[in-house]
Structures are given as C-alpha cells and as structure tokens.
PDB file of N, CA and C in Angstrom:
ATOM      1  N   UNK A   1      -2.802 114.137  21.829  1.00  0.00           N
ATOM      2  CA  UNK A   1      -2.902 112.705  21.702  1.00  0.00           C
ATOM      3  C   UNK A   1      -1.956 112.217  20.608  1.00  0.00           C
ATOM      4  N   UNK A   2      -1.150 111.228  20.922  1.00  0.00           N
ATOM      5  CA  UNK A   2      -0.179 110.682  19.981  1.00  0.00           C
ATOM      6  C   UNK A   2      -0.852 109.600  19.142  1.00  0.00           C
ATOM      7  N   UNK A   3      -0.664 109.713  17.824  1.00  0.00           N
ATOM      8  CA  UNK A   3      -1.233 108.718  16.920  1.00  0.00           C
ATOM      9  C   UNK A   3      -0.403 107.443  16.983  1.00  0.00           C
ATOM     10  N   UNK A   4      -1.058 106.300  17.000  1.00  0.00           N
ATOM     11  CA  UNK A   4      -0.377 105.013  17.075  1.00  0.00           C
ATOM     12  C   UNK A   4       0.311 104.692  15.746  1.00  0.00           C
ATOM     13  N   UNK A   5       1.466 104.034  15.827  1.00  0.00           N
ATOM     14  CA  UNK A   5       2.182 103.612  14.625  1.00  0.00           C
ATOM     15  C   UNK A   5       1.338 102.594  13.861  1.00  0.00           C
ATOM     16  N   UNK A   6       1.107 102.852  12.594  1.00  0.00           N
ATOM     17  CA  UNK A   6       0.296 101.959  11.767  1.00  0.00           C
ATOM     18  C   UNK A   6       1.115 101.504  10.564  1.00  0.00           C
ATOM     19  N   UNK A   7       1.633 100.266  10.592  1.00  0.00           N
ATOM     20  CA  UNK A   7       2.460  99.794   9.479  1.00  0.00           C
ATOM     21  C   UNK A   7       1.686  99.608   8.179  1.00  0.00           C
ATOM     22  N   UNK A   8       0.368  99.749   8.218  1.00  0.00           N
ATOM     23  CA  UNK A   8      -0.428  99.650   6.999  1.00  0.00           C
ATOM     24  C   UNK A   8      -0.404 100.951   6.197  1.00  0.00           C
ATOM     25  N   UNK A   9      -0.032 102.055   6.846  1.00  0.00           N
ATOM     26  CA  UNK A   9       0.055 103.340   6.149  1.00  0.00           C
ATOM     27  C   UNK A   9       1.365 103.397   5.379  1.00  0.00           C
ATOM     28  N   UNK A  10       1.288 103.802   4.130  1.00  0.00           N
ATOM     29  CA  UNK A  10       2.455 103.918   3.257  1.00  0.00           C
ATOM     30  C   UNK A  10       2.462 105.313   2.663  1.00  0.00           C
ATOM     31  N   UNK A  11       3.633 105.938   2.638  1.00  0.00           N
ATOM     32  CA  UNK A  11       3.759 107.320   2.168  1.00  0.00           C
ATOM     33  C   UNK A  11       4.815 107.419   1.078  1.00  0.00           C
ATOM     34  N   UNK A  12       4.580 108.293   0.109  1.00  0.00           N
ATOM     35  CA  UNK A  12       5.571 108.593  -0.933  1.00  0.00           C
ATOM     36  C   UNK A  12       5.660 110.101  -1.098  1.00  0.00           C
ATOM     37  N   UNK A  13       6.910 110.581  -1.144  1.00  0.00           N
ATOM     38  CA  UNK A  13       7.176 111.977  -1.496  1.00  0.00           C
ATOM     39  C   UNK A  13       7.944 111.946  -2.817  1.00  0.00           C
ATOM     40  N   UNK A  14       7.308 112.417  -3.881  1.00  0.00           N
ATOM     41  CA  UNK A  14       7.947 112.517  -5.198  1.00  0.00           C
ATOM     42  C   UNK A  14       9.045 113.571  -5.119  1.00  0.00           C
ATOM     43  N   UNK A  15      10.225 113.236  -5.630  1.00  0.00           N
ATOM     44  CA  UNK A  15      11.345 114.176  -5.613  1.00  0.00           C
ATOM     45  C   UNK A  15      11.588 114.735  -7.018  1.00  0.00           C
ATOM     46  N   UNK A  16      11.837 113.857  -7.983  1.00  0.00           N
ATOM     47  CA  UNK A  16      12.071 114.342  -9.349  1.00  0.00           C
ATOM     48  C   UNK A  16      12.015 113.200 -10.344  1.00  0.00           C
ATOM     49  N   UNK A  17      11.688 113.567 -11.579  1.00  0.00           N
ATOM     50  CA  UNK A  17      11.784 112.628 -12.692  1.00  0.00           C
ATOM     51  C   UNK A  17      13.003 113.040 -13.503  1.00  0.00           C
ATOM     52  N   UNK A  18      13.940 112.114 -13.632  1.00  0.00           N
ATOM     53  CA  UNK A  18      15.175 112.405 -14.351  1.00  0.00           C
ATOM     54  C   UNK A  18      14.988 112.249 -15.858  1.00  0.00           C
ATOM     55  N   UNK A  19      15.926 112.774 -16.613  1.00  0.00           N
ATOM     56  CA  UNK A  19      15.881 112.690 -18.071  1.00  0.00           C
ATOM     57  C   UNK A  19      15.963 111.244 -18.577  1.00  0.00           C
ATOM     58  N   UNK A  20      16.553 110.335 -17.760  1.00  0.00           N
ATOM     59  CA  UNK A  20      16.679 108.937 -18.179  1.00  0.00           C
ATOM     60  C   UNK A  20      15.453 108.108 -17.795  1.00  0.00           C
ATOM     61  N   UNK A  21      14.347 108.773 -17.440  1.00  0.00           N
ATOM     62  CA  UNK A  21      13.058 108.136 -17.138  1.00  0.00           C
ATOM     63  C   UNK A  21      13.017 107.454 -15.768  1.00  0.00           C
ATOM     64  N   UNK A  22      13.965 107.767 -14.900  1.00  0.00           N
ATOM     65  CA  UNK A  22      13.917 107.267 -13.533  1.00  0.00           C
ATOM     66  C   UNK A  22      13.254 108.306 -12.640  1.00  0.00           C
ATOM     67  N   UNK A  23      12.530 107.833 -11.634  1.00  0.00           N
ATOM     68  CA  UNK A  23      11.864 108.701 -10.673  1.00  0.00           C
ATOM     69  C   UNK A  23      12.540 108.528  -9.313  1.00  0.00           C
ATOM     70  N   UNK A  24      12.946 109.635  -8.702  1.00  0.00           N
ATOM     71  CA  UNK A  24      13.497 109.627  -7.359  1.00  0.00           C
ATOM     72  C   UNK A  24      12.367 109.964  -6.400  1.00  0.00           C
ATOM     73  N   UNK A  25      12.276 109.213  -5.294  1.00  0.00           N
ATOM     74  CA  UNK A  25      11.215 109.448  -4.328  1.00  0.00           C
ATOM     75  C   UNK A  25      11.595 108.895  -2.966  1.00  0.00           C
ATOM     76  N   UNK A  26      10.853 109.306  -1.959  1.00  0.00           N
ATOM     77  CA  UNK A  26      11.024 108.795  -0.599  1.00  0.00           C
ATOM     78  C   UNK A  26       9.828 107.919  -0.285  1.00  0.00           C
ATOM     79  N   UNK A  27      10.092 106.767   0.326  1.00  0.00           N
ATOM     80  CA  UNK A  27       9.036 105.827   0.688  1.00  0.00           C
ATOM     81  C   UNK A  27       9.098 105.581   2.184  1.00  0.00           C
ATOM     82  N   UNK A  28       7.951 105.689   2.836  1.00  0.00           N
ATOM     83  CA  UNK A  28       7.890 105.496   4.286  1.00  0.00           C
ATOM     84  C   UNK A  28       6.744 104.558   4.643  1.00  0.00           C
ATOM     85  N   UNK A  29       6.959 103.798   5.704  1.00  0.00           N
ATOM     86  CA  UNK A  29       5.936 102.906   6.246  1.00  0.00           C
ATOM     87  C   UNK A  29       5.604 103.372   7.651  1.00  0.00           C
ATOM     88  N   UNK A  30       4.334 103.647   7.902  1.00  0.00           N
ATOM     89  CA  UNK A  30       3.891 104.001   9.251  1.00  0.00           C
ATOM     90  C   UNK A  30       4.018 105.465   9.600  1.00  0.00           C
ATOM     91  N   UNK A  31       5.167 106.044   9.347  1.00  0.00           N
ATOM     92  CA  UNK A  31       5.430 107.451   9.659  1.00  0.00           C
ATOM     93  C   UNK A  31       6.208 108.079   8.503  1.00  0.00           C
ATOM     94  N   UNK A  32       5.748 109.207   7.980  1.00  0.00           N
ATOM     95  CA  UNK A  32       6.439 109.795   6.825  1.00  0.00           C
ATOM     96  C   UNK A  32       7.826 110.340   7.150  1.00  0.00           C
ATOM     97  N   UNK A  33       8.136 110.532   8.424  1.00  0.00           N
ATOM     98  CA  UNK A  33       9.439 111.084   8.807  1.00  0.00           C
ATOM     99  C   UNK A  33      10.566 110.058   8.748  1.00  0.00           C
ATOM    100  N   UNK A  34      10.221 108.776   8.712  1.00  0.00           N
ATOM    101  CA  UNK A  34      11.226 107.712   8.652  1.00  0.00           C
ATOM    102  C   UNK A  34      11.061 107.029   7.298  1.00  0.00           C
ATOM    103  N   UNK A  35      12.007 107.258   6.391  1.00  0.00           N
ATOM    104  CA  UNK A  35      11.819 106.856   5.004  1.00  0.00           C
ATOM    105  C   UNK A  35      13.092 106.300   4.400  1.00  0.00           C
ATOM    106  N   UNK A  36      12.912 105.672   3.255  1.00  0.00           N
ATOM    107  CA  UNK A  36      14.032 105.226   2.425  1.00  0.00           C
ATOM    108  C   UNK A  36      13.985 106.020   1.134  1.00  0.00           C
ATOM    109  N   UNK A  37      15.144 106.456   0.673  1.00  0.00           N
ATOM    110  CA  UNK A  37      15.218 107.123  -0.623  1.00  0.00           C
ATOM    111  C   UNK A  37      15.290 106.031  -1.683  1.00  0.00           C
ATOM    112  N   UNK A  38      14.434 106.144  -2.693  1.00  0.00           N
ATOM    113  CA  UNK A  38      14.351 105.098  -3.703  1.00  0.00           C
ATOM    114  C   UNK A  38      14.376 105.696  -5.103  1.00  0.00           C
ATOM    115  N   UNK A  39      14.675 104.836  -6.080  1.00  0.00           N
ATOM    116  CA  UNK A  39      14.670 105.233  -7.481  1.00  0.00           C
ATOM    117  C   UNK A  39      14.147 104.050  -8.289  1.00  0.00           C
ATOM    118  N   UNK A  40      13.182 104.338  -9.162  1.00  0.00           N
ATOM    119  CA  UNK A  40      12.603 103.326 -10.041  1.00  0.00           C
ATOM    120  C   UNK A  40      12.326 103.947 -11.405  1.00  0.00           C
ATOM    121  N   UNK A  41      12.275 103.101 -12.426  1.00  0.00           N
ATOM    122  CA  UNK A  41      11.800 103.566 -13.725  1.00  0.00           C
ATOM    123  C   UNK A  41      10.383 104.081 -13.531  1.00  0.00           C
ATOM    124  N   UNK A  42       9.966 105.066 -14.334  1.00  0.00           N
ATOM    125  CA  UNK A  42       8.665 105.701 -14.143  1.00  0.00           C
ATOM    126  C   UNK A  42       7.511 104.693 -14.113  1.00  0.00           C
ATOM    127  N   UNK A  43       7.502 103.749 -15.050  1.00  0.00           N
ATOM    128  CA  UNK A  43       6.396 102.782 -15.081  1.00  0.00           C
ATOM    129  C   UNK A  43       6.391 101.887 -13.832  1.00  0.00           C
ATOM    130  N   UNK A  44       7.558 101.558 -13.319  1.00  0.00           N
ATOM    131  CA  UNK A  44       7.645 100.762 -12.088  1.00  0.00           C
ATOM    132  C   UNK A  44       7.234 101.584 -10.869  1.00  0.00           C
ATOM    133  N   UNK A  45       7.562 102.862 -10.879  1.00  0.00           N
ATOM    134  CA  UNK A  45       7.153 103.769  -9.802  1.00  0.00           C
ATOM    135  C   UNK A  45       5.629 103.843  -9.710  1.00  0.00           C
ATOM    136  N   UNK A  46       4.966 103.967 -10.844  1.00  0.00           N
ATOM    137  CA  UNK A  46       3.502 104.038 -10.871  1.00  0.00           C
ATOM    138  C   UNK A  46       2.907 102.743 -10.316  1.00  0.00           C
ATOM    139  N   UNK A  47       3.430 101.602 -10.734  1.00  0.00           N
ATOM    140  CA  UNK A  47       2.959 100.303 -10.241  1.00  0.00           C
ATOM    141  C   UNK A  47       3.218 100.179  -8.749  1.00  0.00           C
ATOM    142  N   UNK A  48       4.413 100.554  -8.314  1.00  0.00           N
ATOM    143  CA  UNK A  48       4.794 100.482  -6.903  1.00  0.00           C
ATOM    144  C   UNK A  48       3.817 101.282  -6.039  1.00  0.00           C
ATOM    145  N   UNK A  49       3.550 102.515  -6.427  1.00  0.00           N
ATOM    146  CA  UNK A  49       2.644 103.371  -5.651  1.00  0.00           C
ATOM    147  C   UNK A  49       1.247 102.775  -5.584  1.00  0.00           C
ATOM    148  N   UNK A  50       0.782 102.235  -6.694  1.00  0.00           N
ATOM    149  CA  UNK A  50      -0.554 101.636  -6.733  1.00  0.00           C
ATOM    150  C   UNK A  50      -0.618 100.403  -5.837  1.00  0.00           C
ATOM    151  N   UNK A  51       0.367  99.514  -5.967  1.00  0.00           N
ATOM    152  CA  UNK A  51       0.372  98.281  -5.174  1.00  0.00           C
ATOM    153  C   UNK A  51       0.518  98.550  -3.678  1.00  0.00           C
ATOM    154  N   UNK A  52       1.261  99.588  -3.319  1.00  0.00           N
ATOM    155  CA  UNK A  52       1.472  99.916  -1.909  1.00  0.00           C
ATOM    156  C   UNK A  52       0.319 100.727  -1.324  1.00  0.00           C
ATOM    157  N   UNK A  53      -0.527 101.273  -2.179  1.00  0.00           N
ATOM    158  CA  UNK A  53      -1.643 102.103  -1.704  1.00  0.00           C
ATOM    159  C   UNK A  53      -1.149 103.316  -0.943  1.00  0.00           C
ATOM    160  N   UNK A  54      -0.190 104.016  -1.528  1.00  0.00           N
ATOM    161  CA  UNK A  54       0.493 105.098  -0.830  1.00  0.00           C
ATOM    162  C   UNK A  54      -0.355 106.353  -0.695  1.00  0.00           C
ATOM    163  N   UNK A  55      -0.037 107.120   0.328  1.00  0.00           N
ATOM    164  CA  UNK A  55      -0.530 108.480   0.492  1.00  0.00           C
ATOM    165  C   UNK A  55       0.592 109.383   0.007  1.00  0.00           C
ATOM    166  N   UNK A  56       0.306 110.230  -0.968  1.00  0.00           N
ATOM    167  CA  UNK A  56       1.322 111.143  -1.477  1.00  0.00           C
ATOM    168  C   UNK A  56       1.479 112.302  -0.499  1.00  0.00           C
ATOM    169  N   UNK A  57       2.725 112.628  -0.179  1.00  0.00           N
ATOM    170  CA  UNK A  57       3.005 113.758   0.698  1.00  0.00           C
ATOM    171  C   UNK A  57       3.868 114.759  -0.057  1.00  0.00           C
ATOM    172  N   UNK A  58       3.840 115.994   0.399  1.00  0.00           N
ATOM    173  CA  UNK A  58       4.635 117.038  -0.236  1.00  0.00           C
ATOM    174  C   UNK A  58       5.062 118.052   0.829  1.00  0.00           C
ATOM    175  N   UNK A  59       5.619 119.149   0.383  1.00  0.00           N
ATOM    176  CA  UNK A  59       6.113 120.175   1.299  1.00  0.00           C
ATOM    177  C   UNK A  59       4.984 120.757   2.155  1.00  0.00           C
ATOM    178  N   UNK A  60       3.766 120.769   1.652  1.00  0.00           N
ATOM    179  CA  UNK A  60       2.645 121.303   2.422  1.00  0.00           C
ATOM    180  C   UNK A  60       2.168 120.328   3.499  1.00  0.00           C
ATOM    181  N   UNK A  61       2.093 119.036   3.157  1.00  0.00           N
ATOM    182  CA  UNK A  61       1.577 118.055   4.107  1.00  0.00           C
ATOM    183  C   UNK A  61       2.638 117.536   5.061  1.00  0.00           C
ATOM    184  N   UNK A  62       3.917 117.575   4.654  1.00  0.00           N
ATOM    185  CA  UNK A  62       5.008 117.074   5.492  1.00  0.00           C
ATOM    186  C   UNK A  62       6.273 117.841   5.137  1.00  0.00           C
ATOM    187  N   UNK A  63       6.432 119.058   5.657  1.00  0.00           N
ATOM    188  CA  UNK A  63       7.548 119.917   5.240  1.00  0.00           C
ATOM    189  C   UNK A  63       8.918 119.393   5.663  1.00  0.00           C
ATOM    190  N   UNK A  64       9.918 119.705   4.846  1.00  0.00           N
ATOM    191  CA  UNK A  64      11.311 119.388   5.165  1.00  0.00           C
ATOM    192  C   UNK A  64      11.918 120.633   5.792  1.00  0.00           C
ATOM    193  N   UNK A  65      12.475 120.487   6.978  1.00  0.00           N
ATOM    194  CA  UNK A  65      13.103 121.607   7.685  1.00  0.00           C
ATOM    195  C   UNK A  65      14.545 121.751   7.196  1.00  0.00           C
ATOM    196  N   UNK A  66      14.772 122.617   6.228  1.00  0.00           N
ATOM    197  CA  UNK A  66      16.092 122.783   5.619  1.00  0.00           C
ATOM    198  C   UNK A  66      17.127 123.338   6.595  1.00  0.00           C
ATOM    199  N   UNK A  67      16.695 124.015   7.653  1.00  0.00           N
ATOM    200  CA  UNK A  67      17.625 124.606   8.610  1.00  0.00           C
ATOM    201  C   UNK A  67      18.085 123.621   9.686  1.00  0.00           C
ATOM    202  N   UNK A  68      17.474 122.459   9.743  1.00  0.00           N
ATOM    203  CA  UNK A  68      17.826 121.444  10.730  1.00  0.00           C
ATOM    204  C   UNK A  68      18.965 120.593  10.176  1.00  0.00           C
ATOM    205  N   UNK A  69      20.106 120.570  10.869  1.00  0.00           N
ATOM    206  CA  UNK A  69      21.261 119.810  10.397  1.00  0.00           C
ATOM    207  C   UNK A  69      20.990 118.315  10.309  1.00  0.00           C
ATOM    208  N   UNK A  70      20.009 117.820  11.053  1.00  0.00           N
ATOM    209  CA  UNK A  70      19.680 116.404  11.010  1.00  0.00           C
ATOM    210  C   UNK A  70      18.673 116.082   9.907  1.00  0.00           C
ATOM    211  N   UNK A  71      18.142 117.086   9.273  1.00  0.00           N
ATOM    212  CA  UNK A  71      17.116 116.924   8.238  1.00  0.00           C
ATOM    213  C   UNK A  71      17.776 116.983   6.868  1.00  0.00           C
ATOM    214  N   UNK A  72      18.579 115.975   6.537  1.00  0.00           N
ATOM    215  CA  UNK A  72      19.226 115.948   5.242  1.00  0.00           C
ATOM    216  C   UNK A  72      18.956 114.606   4.578  1.00  0.00           C
ATOM    217  N   UNK A  73      19.116 114.569   3.286  1.00  0.00           N
ATOM    218  CA  UNK A  73      18.897 113.369   2.489  1.00  0.00           C
ATOM    219  C   UNK A  73      20.212 112.929   1.860  1.00  0.00           C
ATOM    220  N   UNK A  74      20.292 111.657   1.539  1.00  0.00           N
ATOM    221  CA  UNK A  74      21.494 111.145   0.898  1.00  0.00           C
ATOM    222  C   UNK A  74      21.790 111.900  -0.389  1.00  0.00           C
ATOM    223  N   UNK A  75      20.746 112.257  -1.141  1.00  0.00           N
ATOM    224  CA  UNK A  75      20.975 112.992  -2.393  1.00  0.00           C
ATOM    225  C   UNK A  75      21.602 114.353  -2.136  1.00  0.00           C
ATOM    226  N   UNK A  76      21.414 114.909  -0.912  1.00  0.00           N
ATOM    227  CA  UNK A  76      22.042 116.180  -0.579  1.00  0.00           C
ATOM    228  C   UNK A  76      23.561 116.077  -0.590  1.00  0.00           C
ATOM    229  N   UNK A  77      24.085 114.905  -0.261  1.00  0.00           N
ATOM    230  CA  UNK A  77      25.541 114.714  -0.197  1.00  0.00           C
ATOM    231  C   UNK A  77      26.181 114.857  -1.577  1.00  0.00           C
ATOM    232  N   UNK A  78      25.426 114.611  -2.629  1.00  0.00           N
ATOM    233  CA  UNK A  78      25.980 114.763  -3.976  1.00  0.00           C
ATOM    234  C   UNK A  78      26.001 116.210  -4.429  1.00  0.00           C
ATOM    235  N   UNK A  79      25.210 117.055  -3.766  1.00  0.00           N
ATOM    236  CA  UNK A  79      25.115 118.457  -4.144  1.00  0.00           C
ATOM    237  C   UNK A  79      25.823 119.406  -3.181  1.00  0.00           C
ATOM    238  N   UNK A  80      26.184 118.924  -2.023  1.00  0.00           N
ATOM    239  CA  UNK A  80      26.810 119.767  -1.010  1.00  0.00           C
ATOM    240  C   UNK A  80      28.084 119.109  -0.501  1.00  0.00           C
ATOM    241  N   UNK A  81      28.991 119.925  -0.033  1.00  0.00           N
ATOM    242  CA  UNK A  81      30.194 119.389   0.606  1.00  0.00           C
ATOM    243  C   UNK A  81      29.868 119.050   2.039  1.00  0.00           C
ATOM    244  N   UNK A  82      30.278 117.884   2.493  1.00  0.00           N
ATOM    245  CA  UNK A  82      30.022 117.489   3.877  1.00  0.00           C
ATOM    246  C   UNK A  82      30.979 118.206   4.820  1.00  0.00           C
ATOM    247  N   UNK A  83      32.249 118.358   4.416  1.00  0.00           N
ATOM    248  CA  UNK A  83      33.233 119.045   5.264  1.00  0.00           C
ATOM    249  C   UNK A  83      33.216 120.538   4.924  1.00  0.00           C
ATOM    250  N   UNK A  84      32.586 121.306   5.751  1.00  0.00           N
ATOM    251  CA  UNK A  84      32.416 122.747   5.490  1.00  0.00           C
ATOM    252  C   UNK A  84      33.684 123.507   5.641  1.00  0.00           C
TER     253      UNK A  84
END
C-alpha cells in the first residue's frame, strides 16, 4: 500500500555543525526523499525545526544510497570532482 503524500509532514536530516556556528541540514515536505539543502545559524535552526514540527531522520530511518549515481547532494560537488 502506497502512503499518500502529506504536505503537513516535515523532515530534517542534520548534516553538520560548522565551526562558524552554522548548521547544514536537509529539509523535506511530505516525503524525505525530496529535499532542499539548507544552512542556518544554530539558534535559527533550532527555532526552524520547532516551528516546522519536523521529524528528524538519519541514516537508520532514511538511508542515503552512496552507490547510486543519482543519490548525490550539492555539498558533494565541493568535495568530489564532477568530471571523472
């Protein structure tokens, strides 16, 4: 049975807290697989998550398939060469 799209569901996957106090994370509405990569100051991130009523996801609840060429993030482009 396929679960219906629910725009009231909000998801966040914490990525990292940088030394400059910014938090990198993924934010999704309805489905955790379709997300925007975002960055906010830590205090704004905490407020954002609270106001959105997010469900926190991680590698256990929503794994990233590293072997899938379509499963990449914009931040990956800064760490990897696109032209192999």
